[in-house]
Amino acid sequence: MKKLIGMLAALLLAMAVYAGEVQGILLDKQCATKIVKANDQVAAQKHTRDCALMDECQKAGYGVLTADGKFITVDAAGNAKVVAALKGTKKDDNLKVVVTGDVKGDTITLTAIKVL
């Protein structure tokens, strides 16, 4: 019985963290509060690269607003990859991205980001 309980606990833990891709619109957490609360996809599309690269926005960190209204936060280490991707794109707004990494709850441990 103990073995079965241990196996079930391990299975639940494994299900809590999964590798995956998240697609949506990149936002800094400072500007995302109202946009995410209202699930305002139009406002998210209008959010600019220049704003996301402002010092206070970089310090706040980043996340991805999905089409179904979830906001997946990028882990602290992944924020540097986000900044590099923002600096490397010529897009001014509508910052659609695909991020890859380990998702746990509403946070992704970012391994890759691609601006679409």
N, C-alpha and C. Protein backbone atom coordinates (compact mmCIF):
# COMPACT_ATOMS: atom_id res chain seq x y z
N MET A 1 0.82 -1.19 0.00
CA MET A 1 0.00 0.00 0.00
C MET A 1 0.87 1.26 0.00
N LYS A 2 1.93 1.27 0.83
CA LYS A 2 2.82 2.43 0.87
C LYS A 2 3.47 2.66 -0.49
N LYS A 3 3.79 1.57 -1.16
CA LYS A 3 4.42 1.67 -2.48
C LYS A 3 3.45 2.33 -3.47
N LEU A 4 2.19 1.93 -3.42
CA LEU A 4 1.17 2.50 -4.30
C LEU A 4 0.98 3.99 -4.02
N ILE A 5 0.92 4.37 -2.76
CA ILE A 5 0.77 5.78 -2.39
C ILE A 5 1.98 6.58 -2.88
N GLY A 6 3.17 6.03 -2.72
CA GLY A 6 4.39 6.70 -3.19
C GLY A 6 4.37 6.89 -4.70
N MET A 7 3.91 5.87 -5.42
CA MET A 7 3.84 5.96 -6.88
C MET A 7 2.83 7.01 -7.31
N LEU A 8 1.69 7.06 -6.62
CA LEU A 8 0.67 8.06 -6.95
C LEU A 8 1.18 9.48 -6.66
N ALA A 9 1.88 9.64 -5.55
CA ALA A 9 2.44 10.95 -5.22
C ALA A 9 3.46 11.39 -6.27
N ALA A 10 4.30 10.47 -6.73
CA ALA A 10 5.29 10.78 -7.77
C ALA A 10 4.60 11.14 -9.08
N LEU A 11 3.53 10.45 -9.40
CA LEU A 11 2.79 10.74 -10.63
C LEU A 11 2.16 12.13 -10.57
N LEU A 12 1.57 12.47 -9.44
CA LEU A 12 0.97 13.80 -9.28
C LEU A 12 2.02 14.89 -9.38
N LEU A 13 3.18 14.67 -8.79
CA LEU A 13 4.25 15.64 -8.86
C LEU A 13 4.74 15.80 -10.30
N ALA A 14 4.86 14.72 -11.01
CA ALA A 14 5.30 14.78 -12.41
C ALA A 14 4.28 15.52 -13.27
N MET A 15 3.01 15.38 -12.95
CA MET A 15 1.98 16.06 -13.73
C MET A 15 1.96 17.55 -13.44
N ALA A 16 2.44 17.98 -12.28
CA ALA A 16 2.41 19.38 -11.91
C ALA A 16 3.39 20.22 -12.73
N VAL A 17 4.46 19.62 -13.21
CA VAL A 17 5.44 20.30 -14.03
C VAL A 17 5.49 19.60 -15.37
N TYR A 18 5.33 20.33 -16.46
CA TYR A 18 5.41 19.70 -17.78
C TYR A 18 6.14 20.63 -18.74
N ALA A 19 6.82 20.00 -19.68
CA ALA A 19 7.49 20.78 -20.72
C ALA A 19 6.45 21.14 -21.77
N GLY A 20 6.51 22.35 -22.24
CA GLY A 20 5.52 22.72 -23.23
C GLY A 20 5.81 24.05 -23.88
N GLU A 21 4.91 24.39 -24.78
CA GLU A 21 4.97 25.67 -25.48
C GLU A 21 3.76 26.49 -25.07
N VAL A 22 3.98 27.78 -24.95
CA VAL A 22 2.90 28.72 -24.68
C VAL A 22 2.95 29.78 -25.76
N GLN A 23 1.82 30.03 -26.38
CA GLN A 23 1.75 31.06 -27.42
C GLN A 23 0.80 32.15 -26.97
N GLY A 24 1.19 33.39 -27.23
CA GLY A 24 0.34 34.51 -26.87
C GLY A 24 1.05 35.82 -27.11
N ILE A 25 0.64 36.84 -26.37
CA ILE A 25 1.20 38.18 -26.52
C ILE A 25 2.07 38.49 -25.31
N LEU A 26 3.29 38.89 -25.58
CA LEU A 26 4.24 39.21 -24.53
C LEU A 26 3.92 40.56 -23.91
N LEU A 27 3.88 40.59 -22.58
CA LEU A 27 3.65 41.83 -21.83
C LEU A 27 4.60 41.89 -20.65
N ASP A 28 4.97 43.10 -20.26
CA ASP A 28 5.69 43.21 -18.99
C ASP A 28 4.64 43.21 -17.89
N LYS A 29 5.03 42.73 -16.72
CA LYS A 29 4.08 42.57 -15.61
C LYS A 29 3.54 43.91 -15.12
N GLN A 30 4.34 44.95 -15.23
CA GLN A 30 3.88 46.27 -14.77
C GLN A 30 2.69 46.75 -15.58
N CYS A 31 2.75 46.59 -16.88
CA CYS A 31 1.67 47.05 -17.75
C CYS A 31 0.53 46.03 -17.89
N ALA A 32 0.81 44.79 -17.52
CA ALA A 32 -0.14 43.71 -17.76
C ALA A 32 -1.33 43.70 -16.81
N THR A 33 -1.23 44.33 -15.66
CA THR A 33 -2.25 44.18 -14.63
C THR A 33 -3.67 44.43 -15.15
N LYS A 34 -3.91 45.60 -15.70
CA LYS A 34 -5.25 45.93 -16.19
C LYS A 34 -5.61 45.12 -17.43
N ILE A 35 -4.65 44.93 -18.31
CA ILE A 35 -4.89 44.21 -19.56
C ILE A 35 -5.31 42.77 -19.26
N VAL A 36 -4.58 42.12 -18.36
CA VAL A 36 -4.88 40.72 -18.02
C VAL A 36 -6.21 40.62 -17.29
N LYS A 37 -6.45 41.52 -16.35
CA LYS A 37 -7.69 41.48 -15.58
C LYS A 37 -8.91 41.56 -16.50
N ALA A 38 -8.82 42.39 -17.52
CA ALA A 38 -9.93 42.55 -18.47
C ALA A 38 -9.84 41.58 -19.65
N ASN A 39 -8.75 40.79 -19.71
CA ASN A 39 -8.47 39.94 -20.87
C ASN A 39 -8.66 40.75 -22.15
N ASP A 40 -8.03 41.91 -22.18
CA ASP A 40 -8.16 42.85 -23.30
C ASP A 40 -7.09 42.55 -24.35
N GLN A 41 -7.42 41.67 -25.27
CA GLN A 41 -6.47 41.25 -26.29
C GLN A 41 -6.08 42.40 -27.22
N VAL A 42 -6.99 43.34 -27.45
CA VAL A 42 -6.69 44.49 -28.31
C VAL A 42 -5.65 45.38 -27.63
N ALA A 43 -5.83 45.66 -26.35
CA ALA A 43 -4.84 46.47 -25.62
C ALA A 43 -3.50 45.75 -25.57
N ALA A 44 -3.53 44.43 -25.42
CA ALA A 44 -2.29 43.65 -25.39
C ALA A 44 -1.55 43.79 -26.72
N GLN A 45 -2.29 43.76 -27.82
CA GLN A 45 -1.66 43.90 -29.14
C GLN A 45 -1.06 45.29 -29.34
N LYS A 46 -1.63 46.29 -28.68
CA LYS A 46 -1.14 47.67 -28.83
C LYS A 46 0.05 47.97 -27.92
N HIS A 47 0.33 47.09 -26.95
CA HIS A 47 1.45 47.31 -26.04
C HIS A 47 2.74 47.30 -26.84
N THR A 48 3.60 48.28 -26.62
CA THR A 48 4.76 48.47 -27.49
C THR A 48 6.04 47.84 -26.95
N ARG A 49 6.91 47.57 -27.87
CA ARG A 49 8.24 47.05 -27.57
C ARG A 49 9.02 48.07 -26.74
N ASP A 50 8.93 49.35 -27.11
CA ASP A 50 9.64 50.39 -26.37
C ASP A 50 9.20 50.44 -24.91
N CYS A 51 7.91 50.30 -24.68
CA CYS A 51 7.41 50.29 -23.30
C CYS A 51 7.97 49.08 -22.55
N ALA A 52 7.91 47.92 -23.17
CA ALA A 52 8.38 46.68 -22.53
C ALA A 52 9.87 46.73 -22.20
N LEU A 53 10.61 47.57 -22.92
CA LEU A 53 12.05 47.68 -22.68
C LEU A 53 12.41 48.81 -21.71
N MET A 54 11.43 49.54 -21.21
CA MET A 54 11.73 50.58 -20.22
C MET A 54 12.29 49.91 -18.96
N ASP A 55 13.16 50.62 -18.26
CA ASP A 55 13.82 50.05 -17.08
C ASP A 55 12.85 49.46 -16.07
N GLU A 56 11.81 50.21 -15.72
CA GLU A 56 10.87 49.72 -14.71
C GLU A 56 10.09 48.50 -15.20
N CYS A 57 9.85 48.43 -16.49
CA CYS A 57 9.15 47.28 -17.05
C CYS A 57 10.06 46.05 -17.06
N GLN A 58 11.33 46.26 -17.39
CA GLN A 58 12.28 45.14 -17.34
C GLN A 58 12.41 44.62 -15.91
N LYS A 59 12.46 45.51 -14.95
CA LYS A 59 12.59 45.11 -13.54
C LYS A 59 11.37 44.34 -13.07
N ALA A 60 10.20 44.67 -13.60
CA ALA A 60 8.96 43.99 -13.19
C ALA A 60 8.92 42.55 -13.69
N GLY A 61 9.55 42.30 -14.84
CA GLY A 61 9.51 40.95 -15.43
C GLY A 61 8.43 40.86 -16.49
N TYR A 62 8.27 39.64 -17.04
CA TYR A 62 7.41 39.46 -18.20
C TYR A 62 6.49 38.26 -18.05
N GLY A 63 5.53 38.22 -18.95
CA GLY A 63 4.62 37.09 -19.03
C GLY A 63 3.96 37.07 -20.39
N VAL A 64 3.20 36.02 -20.63
CA VAL A 64 2.52 35.84 -21.92
C VAL A 64 1.02 35.73 -21.66
N LEU A 65 0.25 36.59 -22.31
CA LEU A 65 -1.21 36.54 -22.26
C LEU A 65 -1.68 35.63 -23.37
N THR A 66 -2.30 34.51 -23.00
CA THR A 66 -2.77 33.56 -24.00
C THR A 66 -4.14 33.97 -24.54
N ALA A 67 -4.54 33.35 -25.63
CA ALA A 67 -5.82 33.67 -26.25
C ALA A 67 -7.00 33.38 -25.32
N ASP A 68 -6.83 32.44 -24.39
CA ASP A 68 -7.92 32.11 -23.47
C ASP A 68 -7.86 32.93 -22.18
N GLY A 69 -6.98 33.96 -22.13
CA GLY A 69 -6.96 34.88 -21.02
C GLY A 69 -6.05 34.51 -19.87
N LYS A 70 -5.29 33.43 -19.99
CA LYS A 70 -4.34 33.09 -18.93
C LYS A 70 -3.08 33.93 -19.08
N PHE A 71 -2.48 34.29 -17.96
CA PHE A 71 -1.22 35.02 -17.98
C PHE A 71 -0.16 34.11 -17.39
N ILE A 72 0.75 33.66 -18.23
CA ILE A 72 1.82 32.76 -17.82
C ILE A 72 3.06 33.60 -17.58
N THR A 73 3.51 33.64 -16.34
CA THR A 73 4.65 34.45 -15.93
C THR A 73 5.95 33.76 -16.30
N VAL A 74 6.89 34.53 -16.81
CA VAL A 74 8.23 34.03 -17.13
C VAL A 74 9.06 34.04 -15.85
N ASP A 75 9.81 32.98 -15.61
CA ASP A 75 10.67 32.92 -14.43
C ASP A 75 11.75 34.00 -14.50
N ALA A 76 12.34 34.31 -13.35
CA ALA A 76 13.32 35.40 -13.25
C ALA A 76 14.49 35.20 -14.21
N ALA A 77 15.02 33.99 -14.31
CA ALA A 77 16.16 33.74 -15.20
C ALA A 77 15.76 33.91 -16.67
N GLY A 78 14.51 33.61 -17.01
CA GLY A 78 14.05 33.73 -18.39
C GLY A 78 13.84 35.16 -18.85
N ASN A 79 13.72 36.08 -17.90
CA ASN A 79 13.49 37.49 -18.27
C ASN A 79 14.63 38.05 -19.12
N ALA A 80 15.86 37.61 -18.89
CA ALA A 80 17.00 38.07 -19.71
C ALA A 80 16.83 37.62 -21.16
N LYS A 81 16.28 36.43 -21.36
CA LYS A 81 16.03 35.93 -22.72
C LYS A 81 14.94 36.75 -23.40
N VAL A 82 13.96 37.16 -22.61
CA VAL A 82 12.89 37.99 -23.15
C VAL A 82 13.44 39.34 -23.60
N VAL A 83 14.28 39.95 -22.78
CA VAL A 83 14.87 41.25 -23.13
C VAL A 83 15.69 41.11 -24.42
N ALA A 84 16.48 40.05 -24.52
CA ALA A 84 17.28 39.83 -25.73
C ALA A 84 16.38 39.68 -26.96
N ALA A 85 15.28 38.95 -26.81
CA ALA A 85 14.34 38.77 -27.93
C ALA A 85 13.69 40.09 -28.32
N LEU A 86 13.33 40.90 -27.33
CA LEU A 86 12.73 42.21 -27.62
C LEU A 86 13.73 43.11 -28.34
N LYS A 87 14.97 43.10 -27.90
CA LYS A 87 15.99 43.93 -28.54
C LYS A 87 16.31 43.43 -29.94
N GLY A 88 16.07 42.15 -30.19
CA GLY A 88 16.40 41.56 -31.49
C GLY A 88 15.28 41.61 -32.52
N THR A 89 14.11 42.09 -32.12
CA THR A 89 13.00 42.15 -33.08
C THR A 89 12.81 43.58 -33.58
N LYS A 90 12.25 43.69 -34.77
CA LYS A 90 11.94 45.00 -35.33
C LYS A 90 10.46 45.34 -35.14
N LYS A 91 9.70 44.42 -34.56
CA LYS A 91 8.28 44.67 -34.32
C LYS A 91 8.13 45.76 -33.28
N ASP A 92 7.21 46.68 -33.52
CA ASP A 92 6.95 47.77 -32.57
C ASP A 92 5.86 47.43 -31.57
N ASP A 93 4.90 46.61 -31.99
CA ASP A 93 3.80 46.22 -31.11
C ASP A 93 3.29 44.85 -31.58
N ASN A 94 2.15 44.43 -31.03
CA ASN A 94 1.61 43.11 -31.35
C ASN A 94 2.69 42.04 -31.19
N LEU A 95 3.25 41.98 -30.00
CA LEU A 95 4.42 41.14 -29.72
C LEU A 95 4.00 39.69 -29.45
N LYS A 96 3.52 39.04 -30.51
CA LYS A 96 3.13 37.64 -30.40
C LYS A 96 4.40 36.79 -30.28
N VAL A 97 4.36 35.84 -29.35
CA VAL A 97 5.52 34.99 -29.10
C VAL A 97 5.10 33.54 -28.90
N VAL A 98 6.08 32.68 -29.05
CA VAL A 98 5.98 31.29 -28.60
C VAL A 98 7.13 31.12 -27.63
N VAL A 99 6.80 30.71 -26.40
CA VAL A 99 7.83 30.44 -25.41
C VAL A 99 7.81 28.96 -25.08
N THR A 100 8.98 28.42 -24.84
CA THR A 100 9.13 27.01 -24.55
C THR A 100 9.81 26.86 -23.21
N GLY A 101 9.40 25.86 -22.46
CA GLY A 101 10.02 25.60 -21.17
C GLY A 101 9.17 24.69 -20.31
N ASP A 102 9.52 24.61 -19.05
CA ASP A 102 8.78 23.81 -18.08
C ASP A 102 7.71 24.69 -17.45
N VAL A 103 6.47 24.26 -17.57
CA VAL A 103 5.34 25.01 -17.03
C VAL A 103 4.91 24.38 -15.72
N LYS A 104 4.83 25.21 -14.70
CA LYS A 104 4.33 24.77 -13.40
C LYS A 104 3.33 25.81 -12.93
N GLY A 105 2.08 25.42 -12.87
CA GLY A 105 1.04 26.37 -12.50
C GLY A 105 0.94 27.47 -13.53
N ASP A 106 1.15 28.71 -13.10
CA ASP A 106 1.07 29.85 -14.03
C ASP A 106 2.44 30.47 -14.30
N THR A 107 3.50 29.66 -14.14
CA THR A 107 4.86 30.13 -14.40
C THR A 107 5.57 29.19 -15.35
N ILE A 108 6.37 29.76 -16.25
CA ILE A 108 7.17 28.96 -17.16
C ILE A 108 8.64 29.23 -16.89
N THR A 109 9.40 28.15 -16.74
CA THR A 109 10.85 28.24 -16.66
C THR A 109 11.33 28.26 -18.11
N LEU A 110 11.60 29.42 -18.59
CA LEU A 110 11.82 29.66 -20.02
C LEU A 110 13.13 29.06 -20.51
N THR A 111 13.03 28.29 -21.60
CA THR A 111 14.24 27.78 -22.25
C THR A 111 14.43 28.43 -23.62
N ALA A 112 13.34 28.88 -24.24
CA ALA A 112 13.45 29.52 -25.56
C ALA A 112 12.26 30.46 -25.78
N ILE A 113 12.50 31.48 -26.59
CA ILE A 113 11.44 32.41 -26.96
C ILE A 113 11.62 32.77 -28.43
N LYS A 114 10.49 32.84 -29.13
CA LYS A 114 10.50 33.24 -30.55
C LYS A 114 9.40 34.28 -30.75
N VAL A 115 9.80 35.45 -31.25
CA VAL A 115 8.84 36.50 -31.57
C VAL A 115 8.29 36.16 -32.95
N LEU A 116 6.97 36.10 -33.06
CA LEU A 116 6.33 35.73 -34.34
C LEU A 116 6.11 36.91 -35.23
